[in-house]
Amino acid sequence: MDTEYHHQVLEAAFLHTKLDCFFVGTYAQRVSFASQQYRALDLITGLNLFGKLHNAASLKVAVVGAGLAGLMAAAALRHYGAKVHVFEGGKEILGRQSNADHRLIHPSIALWPQEQPHHSTNLPVFDWCAGTCSKIIQNIKDEWEESFEPFHCEDDNPPHEPLKVTLNAPITDYTKNFSAKNGRLRCEGTPDWQSDLSFDLVIVATGYGIENAEAEKDFGIVLASGYAHREAGGSAQEQGRKAQVLHHRMRRRRPDRGAASGAR
């Protein structure tokens, strides 16, 4: 296994705070269904390779976003034995693409001409061939429900369930628990039992460009309106300056601008 590649993947995805929080595809060059699936799978593989999923059965992991990357990340985490809770701000999983009957999707045409197109994604789960967007999404939804049997949290949060999904649950922040290694995730518009939960690891899979509003601070991130940014004090001008500096640093060092996540 290519450890250097997976090290680059983790470096590209890590938020660089005191919390274990990783993002999927934030500065990716290729924008496609399959690319986000590959990135999510590579991220979880890298986390396992470098010991982040050690004693996975005792880990509580939150996945923010129930799109293609979020479901792939959740499936891979379950493969390693972690307990996973998926949070989706919308009313359904894979909601953005569900009704796009007019759109034809191909698993690898985005790789052309660097690579010849492939018949399918060749993924271990959620594999698909070319077809209409709505058909592909429905097939993935069916596989998600039938193969992974997620518990849909509404009025209850049974601790023994290994895979849970909460819809209509926009995340407001993720902060470090005092004198502890894990962090606290907060939701809006959910029952009291869901509004303040602790997790050992958070995977943010809310799409592309979510780090454009970064601001500098050692810990504490805010996830709001579909974007992620760290909390910062001072004037708006000072916050903007910090955000630009950090954004520039991250763009310079992130391998997914090239060899890592952008490779797919």
Foldseek 3Di string as FASTA:
>chain_A
DPLVQLVLLQLLFAPQFLAFEGEFAAQADQDALLLLLVSLLSNLVSCVVVPVCPVQLPFEEEEEAQASSSLSNLVSSVVSNHQYEYEAQADDHNPVQQPQQVAKHANCPSCPPVDDGDQWSPDPALIDGIDGSNVSVVVNVVCSCPVVVEDEDAPDDDPVGRHHYYYSWFWFKWWPDPPDSWIWTATPPGPPVRGIDIGRHYYYYLDYNQLQQEADDNTMWTGPPSHIYHDDDDDPVVRNVRSVVVVVVSVVSRCSNDDHSNVD
